[in-house]
All heavy atoms as atom14 arrays in JSON, in Angstrom:
{
  "sequence": "RLSSLADQTPEGTSIVAYCAEQYGLPTRPQGSELHAEEVAF",
  "atom14_mask": [
    [1, 1, 1, 1, 1, 1, 1, 1, 1, 1, 1, 0, 0, 0],
    [1, 1, 1, 1, 1, 1, 1, 1, 0, 0, 0, 0, 0, 0],
    [1, 1, 1, 1, 1, 1, 0, 0, 0, 0, 0, 0, 0, 0],
    [1, 1, 1, 1, 1, 1, 0, 0, 0, 0, 0, 0, 0, 0],
    [1, 1, 1, 1, 1, 1, 1, 1, 0, 0, 0, 0, 0, 0],
    [1, 1, 1, 1, 1, 0, 0, 0, 0, 0, 0, 0, 0, 0],
    [1, 1, 1, 1, 1, 1, 1, 1, 0, 0, 0, 0, 0, 0],
    [1, 1, 1, 1, 1, 1, 1, 1, 1, 0, 0, 0, 0, 0],
    [1, 1, 1, 1, 1, 1, 1, 0, 0, 0, 0, 0, 0, 0],
    [1, 1, 1, 1, 1, 1, 1, 0, 0, 0, 0, 0, 0, 0],
    [1, 1, 1, 1, 1, 1, 1, 1, 1, 0, 0, 0, 0, 0],
    [1, 1, 1, 1, 0, 0, 0, 0, 0, 0, 0, 0, 0, 0],
    [1, 1, 1, 1, 1, 1, 1, 0, 0, 0, 0, 0, 0, 0],
    [1, 1, 1, 1, 1, 1, 0, 0, 0, 0, 0, 0, 0, 0],
    [1, 1, 1, 1, 1, 1, 1, 1, 0, 0, 0, 0, 0, 0],
    [1, 1, 1, 1, 1, 1, 1, 0, 0, 0, 0, 0, 0, 0],
    [1, 1, 1, 1, 1, 0, 0, 0, 0, 0, 0, 0, 0, 0],
    [1, 1, 1, 1, 1, 1, 1, 1, 1, 1, 1, 1, 0, 0],
    [1, 1, 1, 1, 1, 1, 0, 0, 0, 0, 0, 0, 0, 0],
    [1, 1, 1, 1, 1, 0, 0, 0, 0, 0, 0, 0, 0, 0],
    [1, 1, 1, 1, 1, 1, 1, 1, 1, 0, 0, 0, 0, 0],
    [1, 1, 1, 1, 1, 1, 1, 1, 1, 0, 0, 0, 0, 0],
    [1, 1, 1, 1, 1, 1, 1, 1, 1, 1, 1, 1, 0, 0],
    [1, 1, 1, 1, 0, 0, 0, 0, 0, 0, 0, 0, 0, 0],
    [1, 1, 1, 1, 1, 1, 1, 1, 0, 0, 0, 0, 0, 0],
    [1, 1, 1, 1, 1, 1, 1, 0, 0, 0, 0, 0, 0, 0],
    [1, 1, 1, 1, 1, 1, 1, 0, 0, 0, 0, 0, 0, 0],
    [1, 1, 1, 1, 1, 1, 1, 1, 1, 1, 1, 0, 0, 0],
    [1, 1, 1, 1, 1, 1, 1, 0, 0, 0, 0, 0, 0, 0],
    [1, 1, 1, 1, 1, 1, 1, 1, 1, 0, 0, 0, 0, 0],
    [1, 1, 1, 1, 0, 0, 0, 0, 0, 0, 0, 0, 0, 0],
    [1, 1, 1, 1, 1, 1, 0, 0, 0, 0, 0, 0, 0, 0],
    [1, 1, 1, 1, 1, 1, 1, 1, 1, 0, 0, 0, 0, 0],
    [1, 1, 1, 1, 1, 1, 1, 1, 0, 0, 0, 0, 0, 0],
    [1, 1, 1, 1, 1, 1, 1, 1, 1, 1, 0, 0, 0, 0],
    [1, 1, 1, 1, 1, 0, 0, 0, 0, 0, 0, 0, 0, 0],
    [1, 1, 1, 1, 1, 1, 1, 1, 1, 0, 0, 0, 0, 0],
    [1, 1, 1, 1, 1, 1, 1, 1, 1, 0, 0, 0, 0, 0],
    [1, 1, 1, 1, 1, 1, 1, 0, 0, 0, 0, 0, 0, 0],
    [1, 1, 1, 1, 1, 0, 0, 0, 0, 0, 0, 0, 0, 0],
    [1, 1, 1, 1, 1, 1, 1, 1, 1, 1, 1, 0, 0, 0]
  ],
  "atom14_positions": [
    [[-34.52, -26.18, 93.63], [-35.09, -25.07, 94.31], [-34.99, -25.28, 95.86], [-34.55, -24.39, 96.56], [-36.55, -24.84, 93.92], [-37.29, -23.92, 94.84], [-38.77, -23.87, 94.48], [-39.54, -23.2, 95.56], [-40.02, -23.82, 96.63], [-39.84, -25.12, 96.77], [-40.66, -23.13, 97.5], [0.0, 0.0, 0.0], [0.0, 0.0, 0.0], [0.0, 0.0, 0.0]],
    [[-35.46, -26.45, 96.36], [-35.37, -26.72, 97.78], [-33.97, -26.6, 98.37], [-33.73, -26.05, 99.41], [-35.99, -28.08, 98.05], [-37.52, -28.24, 97.94], [-37.91, -29.68, 98.0], [-38.23, -27.4, 98.99], [0.0, 0.0, 0.0], [0.0, 0.0, 0.0], [0.0, 0.0, 0.0], [0.0, 0.0, 0.0], [0.0, 0.0, 0.0], [0.0, 0.0, 0.0]],
    [[-33.03, -27.14, 97.58], [-31.64, -27.15, 98.06], [-31.01, -25.76, 98.09], [-29.96, -25.55, 98.68], [-30.79, -28.1, 97.21], [-30.7, -27.62, 95.89], [0.0, 0.0, 0.0], [0.0, 0.0, 0.0], [0.0, 0.0, 0.0], [0.0, 0.0, 0.0], [0.0, 0.0, 0.0], [0.0, 0.0, 0.0], [0.0, 0.0, 0.0], [0.0, 0.0, 0.0]],
    [[-31.64, -24.8, 97.37], [-31.09, -23.45, 97.23], [-31.76, -22.42, 98.12], [-31.31, -21.24, 98.14], [-31.12, -22.99, 95.76], [-30.42, -23.95, 94.94], [0.0, 0.0, 0.0], [0.0, 0.0, 0.0], [0.0, 0.0, 0.0], [0.0, 0.0, 0.0], [0.0, 0.0, 0.0], [0.0, 0.0, 0.0], [0.0, 0.0, 0.0], [0.0, 0.0, 0.0]],
    [[-32.82, -22.79, 98.83], [-33.61, -21.84, 99.63], [-32.7, -21.29, 100.74], [-32.85, -20.07, 101.15], [-34.81, -22.49, 100.26], [-35.95, -22.77, 99.31], [-37.07, -23.56, 100.02], [-36.51, -21.51, 98.68], [0.0, 0.0, 0.0], [0.0, 0.0, 0.0], [0.0, 0.0, 0.0], [0.0, 0.0, 0.0], [0.0, 0.0, 0.0], [0.0, 0.0, 0.0]],
    [[-31.76, -22.04, 101.24], [-30.87, -21.58, 102.29], [-29.57, -20.99, 101.8], [-28.74, -20.57, 102.6], [-30.62, -22.74, 103.27], [0.0, 0.0, 0.0], [0.0, 0.0, 0.0], [0.0, 0.0, 0.0], [0.0, 0.0, 0.0], [0.0, 0.0, 0.0], [0.0, 0.0, 0.0], [0.0, 0.0, 0.0], [0.0, 0.0, 0.0], [0.0, 0.0, 0.0]],
    [[-29.41, -21.03, 100.48], [-28.15, -20.51, 99.89], [-28.39, -19.11, 99.48], [-29.02, -18.81, 98.46], [-27.84, -21.38, 98.66], [-26.51, -21.04, 98.03], [-25.86, -20.07, 98.54], [-26.1, -21.65, 97.04], [0.0, 0.0, 0.0], [0.0, 0.0, 0.0], [0.0, 0.0, 0.0], [0.0, 0.0, 0.0], [0.0, 0.0, 0.0], [0.0, 0.0, 0.0]],
    [[-27.83, -18.14, 100.25], [-28.04, -16.73, 99.96], [-26.94, -16.14, 99.09], [-26.9, -14.88, 98.91], [-28.14, -15.97, 101.27], [-29.29, -16.32, 102.12], [-30.64, -16.17, 101.33], [-30.9, -15.08, 100.83], [-31.47, -17.17, 101.3], [0.0, 0.0, 0.0], [0.0, 0.0, 0.0], [0.0, 0.0, 0.0], [0.0, 0.0, 0.0], [0.0, 0.0, 0.0]],
    [[-26.07, -16.98, 98.53], [-25.09, -16.46, 97.57], [-25.84, -16.09, 96.27], [-26.94, -16.58, 96.01], [-24.02, -17.52, 97.26], [-24.65, -18.64, 96.56], [-23.36, -17.99, 98.51], [0.0, 0.0, 0.0], [0.0, 0.0, 0.0], [0.0, 0.0, 0.0], [0.0, 0.0, 0.0], [0.0, 0.0, 0.0], [0.0, 0.0, 0.0], [0.0, 0.0, 0.0]],
    [[-25.26, -15.19, 95.42], [-25.89, -14.9, 94.15], [-26.17, -16.11, 93.3], [-27.17, -16.17, 92.59], [-24.89, -13.97, 93.5], [-24.12, -13.34, 94.62], [-24.01, -14.42, 95.64], [0.0, 0.0, 0.0], [0.0, 0.0, 0.0], [0.0, 0.0, 0.0], [0.0, 0.0, 0.0], [0.0, 0.0, 0.0], [0.0, 0.0, 0.0], [0.0, 0.0, 0.0]],
    [[-25.3, -17.14, 93.39], [-25.49, -18.33, 92.62], [-26.75, -19.06, 93.09], [-27.6, -19.55, 92.3], [-24.28, -19.24, 92.7], [-23.04, -18.74, 92.01], [-22.29, -17.72, 92.82], [-22.72, -17.48, 93.99], [-21.31, -17.11, 92.31], [0.0, 0.0, 0.0], [0.0, 0.0, 0.0], [0.0, 0.0, 0.0], [0.0, 0.0, 0.0], [0.0, 0.0, 0.0]],
    [[-26.92, -19.12, 94.41], [-28.05, -19.82, 95.03], [-29.34, -19.14, 94.64], [-30.32, -19.74, 94.32], [0.0, 0.0, 0.0], [0.0, 0.0, 0.0], [0.0, 0.0, 0.0], [0.0, 0.0, 0.0], [0.0, 0.0, 0.0], [0.0, 0.0, 0.0], [0.0, 0.0, 0.0], [0.0, 0.0, 0.0], [0.0, 0.0, 0.0], [0.0, 0.0, 0.0]],
    [[-29.38, -17.79, 94.82], [-30.61, -17.07, 94.51], [-30.93, -17.11, 93.04], [-32.11, -17.09, 92.65], [-30.49, -15.58, 94.94], [-29.32, -15.01, 94.33], [-30.34, -15.46, 96.44], [0.0, 0.0, 0.0], [0.0, 0.0, 0.0], [0.0, 0.0, 0.0], [0.0, 0.0, 0.0], [0.0, 0.0, 0.0], [0.0, 0.0, 0.0], [0.0, 0.0, 0.0]],
    [[-29.87, -17.26, 92.18], [-30.18, -17.34, 90.73], [-30.83, -18.67, 90.41], [-31.62, -18.75, 89.45], [-28.9, -17.19, 89.9], [-28.09, -18.34, 89.93], [0.0, 0.0, 0.0], [0.0, 0.0, 0.0], [0.0, 0.0, 0.0], [0.0, 0.0, 0.0], [0.0, 0.0, 0.0], [0.0, 0.0, 0.0], [0.0, 0.0, 0.0], [0.0, 0.0, 0.0]],
    [[-30.53, -19.76, 91.12], [-31.15, -21.04, 90.9], [-32.62, -20.97, 91.27], [-33.5, -21.46, 90.54], [-30.45, -22.15, 91.73], [-29.05, -22.32, 91.22], [-31.21, -23.47, 91.66], [-28.16, -23.2, 92.11], [0.0, 0.0, 0.0], [0.0, 0.0, 0.0], [0.0, 0.0, 0.0], [0.0, 0.0, 0.0], [0.0, 0.0, 0.0], [0.0, 0.0, 0.0]],
    [[-32.96, -20.34, 92.43], [-34.35, -20.2, 92.81], [-35.17, -19.37, 91.77], [-36.26, -19.74, 91.39], [-34.4, -19.54, 94.23], [-35.91, -19.31, 94.57], [-33.77, -20.47, 95.29], [0.0, 0.0, 0.0], [0.0, 0.0, 0.0], [0.0, 0.0, 0.0], [0.0, 0.0, 0.0], [0.0, 0.0, 0.0], [0.0, 0.0, 0.0], [0.0, 0.0, 0.0]],
    [[-34.49, -18.28, 91.32], [-35.13, -17.4, 90.32], [-35.35, -18.17, 89.02], [-36.38, -17.99, 88.36], [-34.27, -16.19, 90.08], [0.0, 0.0, 0.0], [0.0, 0.0, 0.0], [0.0, 0.0, 0.0], [0.0, 0.0, 0.0], [0.0, 0.0, 0.0], [0.0, 0.0, 0.0], [0.0, 0.0, 0.0], [0.0, 0.0, 0.0], [0.0, 0.0, 0.0]],
    [[-34.41, -18.99, 88.63], [-34.5, -19.76, 87.37], [-35.66, -20.74, 87.45], [-36.44, -20.84, 86.48], [-33.16, -20.47, 87.1], [-33.17, -21.29, 85.82], [-32.82, -20.69, 84.57], [-33.48, -22.63, 85.84], [-32.81, -21.38, 83.42], [-33.48, -23.39, 84.65], [-33.12, -22.78, 83.44], [-33.1, -23.5, 82.29], [0.0, 0.0, 0.0], [0.0, 0.0, 0.0]],
    [[-35.78, -21.43, 88.59], [-36.86, -22.43, 88.75], [-38.21, -21.72, 88.74], [-39.22, -22.27, 88.25], [-36.65, -23.18, 90.02], [-35.19, -24.3, 89.99], [0.0, 0.0, 0.0], [0.0, 0.0, 0.0], [0.0, 0.0, 0.0], [0.0, 0.0, 0.0], [0.0, 0.0, 0.0], [0.0, 0.0, 0.0], [0.0, 0.0, 0.0], [0.0, 0.0, 0.0]],
    [[-38.3, -20.52, 89.29], [-39.57, -19.78, 89.33], [-39.9, -19.3, 87.88], [-41.07, -19.4, 87.5], [-39.39, -18.6, 90.26], [0.0, 0.0, 0.0], [0.0, 0.0, 0.0], [0.0, 0.0, 0.0], [0.0, 0.0, 0.0], [0.0, 0.0, 0.0], [0.0, 0.0, 0.0], [0.0, 0.0, 0.0], [0.0, 0.0, 0.0], [0.0, 0.0, 0.0]],
    [[-38.93, -18.83, 87.16], [-39.16, -18.29, 85.86], [-39.53, -19.43, 84.84], [-40.45, -19.27, 84.02], [-37.96, -17.49, 85.38], [-38.13, -16.91, 83.97], [-36.83, -16.21, 83.51], [-36.02, -15.8, 84.4], [-36.71, -15.98, 82.33], [0.0, 0.0, 0.0], [0.0, 0.0, 0.0], [0.0, 0.0, 0.0], [0.0, 0.0, 0.0], [0.0, 0.0, 0.0]],
    [[-38.76, -20.5, 84.89], [-38.95, -21.57, 83.89], [-40.03, -22.58, 84.23], [-40.64, -23.16, 83.38], [-37.65, -22.33, 83.7], [-36.46, -21.42, 83.21], [-36.76, -20.9, 81.81], [-37.31, -21.62, 80.97], [-36.3, -19.67, 81.52], [0.0, 0.0, 0.0], [0.0, 0.0, 0.0], [0.0, 0.0, 0.0], [0.0, 0.0, 0.0], [0.0, 0.0, 0.0]],
    [[-40.27, -22.82, 85.57], [-41.19, -23.88, 85.98], [-42.26, -23.39, 86.9], [-43.07, -24.2, 87.39], [-40.38, -24.99, 86.66], [-39.31, -25.54, 85.74], [-37.96, -25.1, 85.92], [-39.59, -26.44, 84.71], [-37.0, -25.63, 85.04], [-38.59, -26.95, 83.87], [-37.28, -26.52, 84.05], [-36.3, -27.01, 83.2], [0.0, 0.0, 0.0], [0.0, 0.0, 0.0]],
    [[-42.34, -22.1, 87.15], [-43.43, -21.55, 87.95], [-43.4, -21.93, 89.4], [-44.44, -21.9, 90.1], [0.0, 0.0, 0.0], [0.0, 0.0, 0.0], [0.0, 0.0, 0.0], [0.0, 0.0, 0.0], [0.0, 0.0, 0.0], [0.0, 0.0, 0.0], [0.0, 0.0, 0.0], [0.0, 0.0, 0.0], [0.0, 0.0, 0.0], [0.0, 0.0, 0.0]],
    [[-42.2, -22.23, 89.94], [-42.12, -22.63, 91.35], [-41.99, -21.4, 92.25], [-41.41, -20.38, 91.8], [-40.89, -23.55, 91.54], [-40.94, -24.87, 90.73], [-39.65, -25.64, 90.94], [-42.15, -25.72, 91.12], [0.0, 0.0, 0.0], [0.0, 0.0, 0.0], [0.0, 0.0, 0.0], [0.0, 0.0, 0.0], [0.0, 0.0, 0.0], [0.0, 0.0, 0.0]],
    [[-42.47, -21.45, 93.47], [-42.36, -20.28, 94.33], [-40.94, -19.94, 94.71], [-40.06, -20.83, 94.84], [-43.2, -20.66, 95.57], [-43.22, -22.17, 95.56], [-43.15, -22.58, 94.1], [0.0, 0.0, 0.0], [0.0, 0.0, 0.0], [0.0, 0.0, 0.0], [0.0, 0.0, 0.0], [0.0, 0.0, 0.0], [0.0, 0.0, 0.0], [0.0, 0.0, 0.0]],
    [[-40.68, -18.68, 94.98], [-39.33, -18.24, 95.34], [-39.07, -18.26, 96.85], [-37.97, -18.07, 97.31], [-39.08, -16.83, 94.82], [-40.02, -15.96, 95.35], [-39.12, -16.82, 93.32], [0.0, 0.0, 0.0], [0.0, 0.0, 0.0], [0.0, 0.0, 0.0], [0.0, 0.0, 0.0], [0.0, 0.0, 0.0], [0.0, 0.0, 0.0], [0.0, 0.0, 0.0]],
    [[-40.15, -18.44, 97.65], [-40.01, -18.51, 99.11], [-40.52, -19.82, 99.63], [-41.3, -20.5, 98.97], [-40.83, -17.3, 99.73], [-40.29, -15.96, 99.36], [-41.17, -14.87, 99.98], [-40.7, -13.56, 99.61], [-39.72, -12.9, 100.19], [-39.12, -13.46, 101.23], [-39.32, -11.71, 99.76], [0.0, 0.0, 0.0], [0.0, 0.0, 0.0], [0.0, 0.0, 0.0]],
    [[-40.09, -20.22, 100.83], [-40.59, -21.44, 101.44], [-42.07, -21.48, 101.6], [-42.71, -20.41, 101.95], [-39.86, -21.48, 102.82], [-38.66, -20.62, 102.64], [-39.08, -19.55, 101.69], [0.0, 0.0, 0.0], [0.0, 0.0, 0.0], [0.0, 0.0, 0.0], [0.0, 0.0, 0.0], [0.0, 0.0, 0.0], [0.0, 0.0, 0.0], [0.0, 0.0, 0.0]],
    [[-42.68, -22.57, 101.33], [-44.15, -22.7, 101.37], [-44.5, -23.87, 102.32], [-43.84, -24.88, 102.36], [-44.73, -23.02, 100.0], [-44.36, -22.01, 98.92], [-45.05, -20.66, 99.08], [-46.24, -20.62, 99.36], [-44.27, -19.58, 99.0], [0.0, 0.0, 0.0], [0.0, 0.0, 0.0], [0.0, 0.0, 0.0], [0.0, 0.0, 0.0], [0.0, 0.0, 0.0]],
    [[-45.59, -23.74, 103.11], [-46.1, -24.84, 103.92], [-45.13, -25.46, 104.84], [-44.48, -24.79, 105.69], [0.0, 0.0, 0.0], [0.0, 0.0, 0.0], [0.0, 0.0, 0.0], [0.0, 0.0, 0.0], [0.0, 0.0, 0.0], [0.0, 0.0, 0.0], [0.0, 0.0, 0.0], [0.0, 0.0, 0.0], [0.0, 0.0, 0.0], [0.0, 0.0, 0.0]],
    [[-44.92, -26.78, 104.66], [-44.0, -27.51, 105.53], [-42.58, -27.06, 105.37], [-41.76, -27.28, 106.28], [-44.1, -29.01, 105.21], [-43.8, -29.25, 103.87], [0.0, 0.0, 0.0], [0.0, 0.0, 0.0], [0.0, 0.0, 0.0], [0.0, 0.0, 0.0], [0.0, 0.0, 0.0], [0.0, 0.0, 0.0], [0.0, 0.0, 0.0], [0.0, 0.0, 0.0]],
    [[-42.25, -26.41, 104.27], [-40.88, -25.97, 104.08], [-40.48, -24.91, 105.09], [-39.31, -24.76, 105.4], [-40.76, -25.33, 102.66], [-41.04, -26.33, 101.53], [-41.19, -25.66, 100.17], [-40.98, -24.42, 100.07], [-41.56, -26.38, 99.2], [0.0, 0.0, 0.0], [0.0, 0.0, 0.0], [0.0, 0.0, 0.0], [0.0, 0.0, 0.0], [0.0, 0.0, 0.0]],
    [[-41.48, -24.21, 105.65], [-41.22, -23.18, 106.61], [-40.62, -23.73, 107.89], [-39.95, -23.06, 108.64], [-42.49, -22.38, 106.92], [-43.05, -21.53, 105.78], [-44.48, -21.02, 106.16], [-42.11, -20.38, 105.46], [0.0, 0.0, 0.0], [0.0, 0.0, 0.0], [0.0, 0.0, 0.0], [0.0, 0.0, 0.0], [0.0, 0.0, 0.0], [0.0, 0.0, 0.0]],
    [[-40.96, -25.01, 108.2], [-40.5, -25.66, 109.44], [-39.4, -26.64, 109.18], [-38.98, -27.38, 110.11], [-41.7, -26.33, 110.13], [-42.88, -25.42, 110.3], [-42.86, -24.39, 111.26], [-44.08, -25.34, 109.7], [-44.03, -23.74, 111.19], [-44.8, -24.29, 110.26], [0.0, 0.0, 0.0], [0.0, 0.0, 0.0], [0.0, 0.0, 0.0], [0.0, 0.0, 0.0]],
    [[-38.96, -26.71, 107.97], [-37.87, -27.69, 107.64], [-36.54, -27.13, 108.13], [-36.38, -25.92, 108.41], [-37.82, -27.89, 106.15], [0.0, 0.0, 0.0], [0.0, 0.0, 0.0], [0.0, 0.0, 0.0], [0.0, 0.0, 0.0], [0.0, 0.0, 0.0], [0.0, 0.0, 0.0], [0.0, 0.0, 0.0], [0.0, 0.0, 0.0], [0.0, 0.0, 0.0]],
    [[-35.59, -27.98, 108.24], [-34.24, -27.6, 108.72], [-33.38, -27.3, 107.5], [-33.08, -28.13, 106.71], [-33.59, -28.76, 109.5], [-32.24, -28.34, 110.07], [-31.63, -29.48, 110.89], [-32.33, -30.45, 111.22], [-30.41, -29.41, 111.18], [0.0, 0.0, 0.0], [0.0, 0.0, 0.0], [0.0, 0.0, 0.0], [0.0, 0.0, 0.0], [0.0, 0.0, 0.0]],
    [[-33.03, -26.01, 107.39], [-32.2, -25.56, 106.24], [-30.74, -25.77, 106.53], [-30.27, -25.55, 107.67], [-32.53, -24.09, 105.92], [-33.96, -23.87, 105.41], [-34.19, -22.41, 105.08], [-33.4, -21.55, 105.53], [-35.13, -22.12, 104.33], [0.0, 0.0, 0.0], [0.0, 0.0, 0.0], [0.0, 0.0, 0.0], [0.0, 0.0, 0.0], [0.0, 0.0, 0.0]],
    [[-29.99, -26.03, 105.51], [-28.53, -26.19, 105.58], [-27.92, -25.12, 104.72], [-27.93, -25.19, 103.48], [-28.11, -27.6, 105.1], [-26.59, -27.72, 105.25], [-28.78, -28.71, 105.91], [0.0, 0.0, 0.0], [0.0, 0.0, 0.0], [0.0, 0.0, 0.0], [0.0, 0.0, 0.0], [0.0, 0.0, 0.0], [0.0, 0.0, 0.0], [0.0, 0.0, 0.0]],
    [[-27.42, -24.12, 105.39], [-26.84, -22.98, 104.68], [-25.53, -23.3, 103.98], [-24.8, -24.22, 104.43], [-26.63, -21.78, 105.6], [0.0, 0.0, 0.0], [0.0, 0.0, 0.0], [0.0, 0.0, 0.0], [0.0, 0.0, 0.0], [0.0, 0.0, 0.0], [0.0, 0.0, 0.0], [0.0, 0.0, 0.0], [0.0, 0.0, 0.0], [0.0, 0.0, 0.0]],
    [[-25.26, -22.62, 102.84], [-24.03, -22.8, 102.14], [-22.86, -22.27, 102.95], [-22.93, -21.16, 103.52], [-24.04, -22.17, 100.78], [-22.74, -22.18, 100.04], [-22.48, -23.27, 99.24], [-21.87, -21.15, 100.12], [-21.24, -23.33, 98.57], [-20.64, -21.2, 99.41], [-20.35, -22.32, 98.64], [0.0, 0.0, 0.0], [0.0, 0.0, 0.0], [0.0, 0.0, 0.0]]
  ]
}
């Protein structure tokens, strides 16, 4: 999920959605993630 937050391709967004659906993880950056350095695909 963390590695895909900056990946705006359909594949990247599908990974975030899968982790949210299967494991209840948030789909948007939370807390310290908001200030982390993202590496876009």
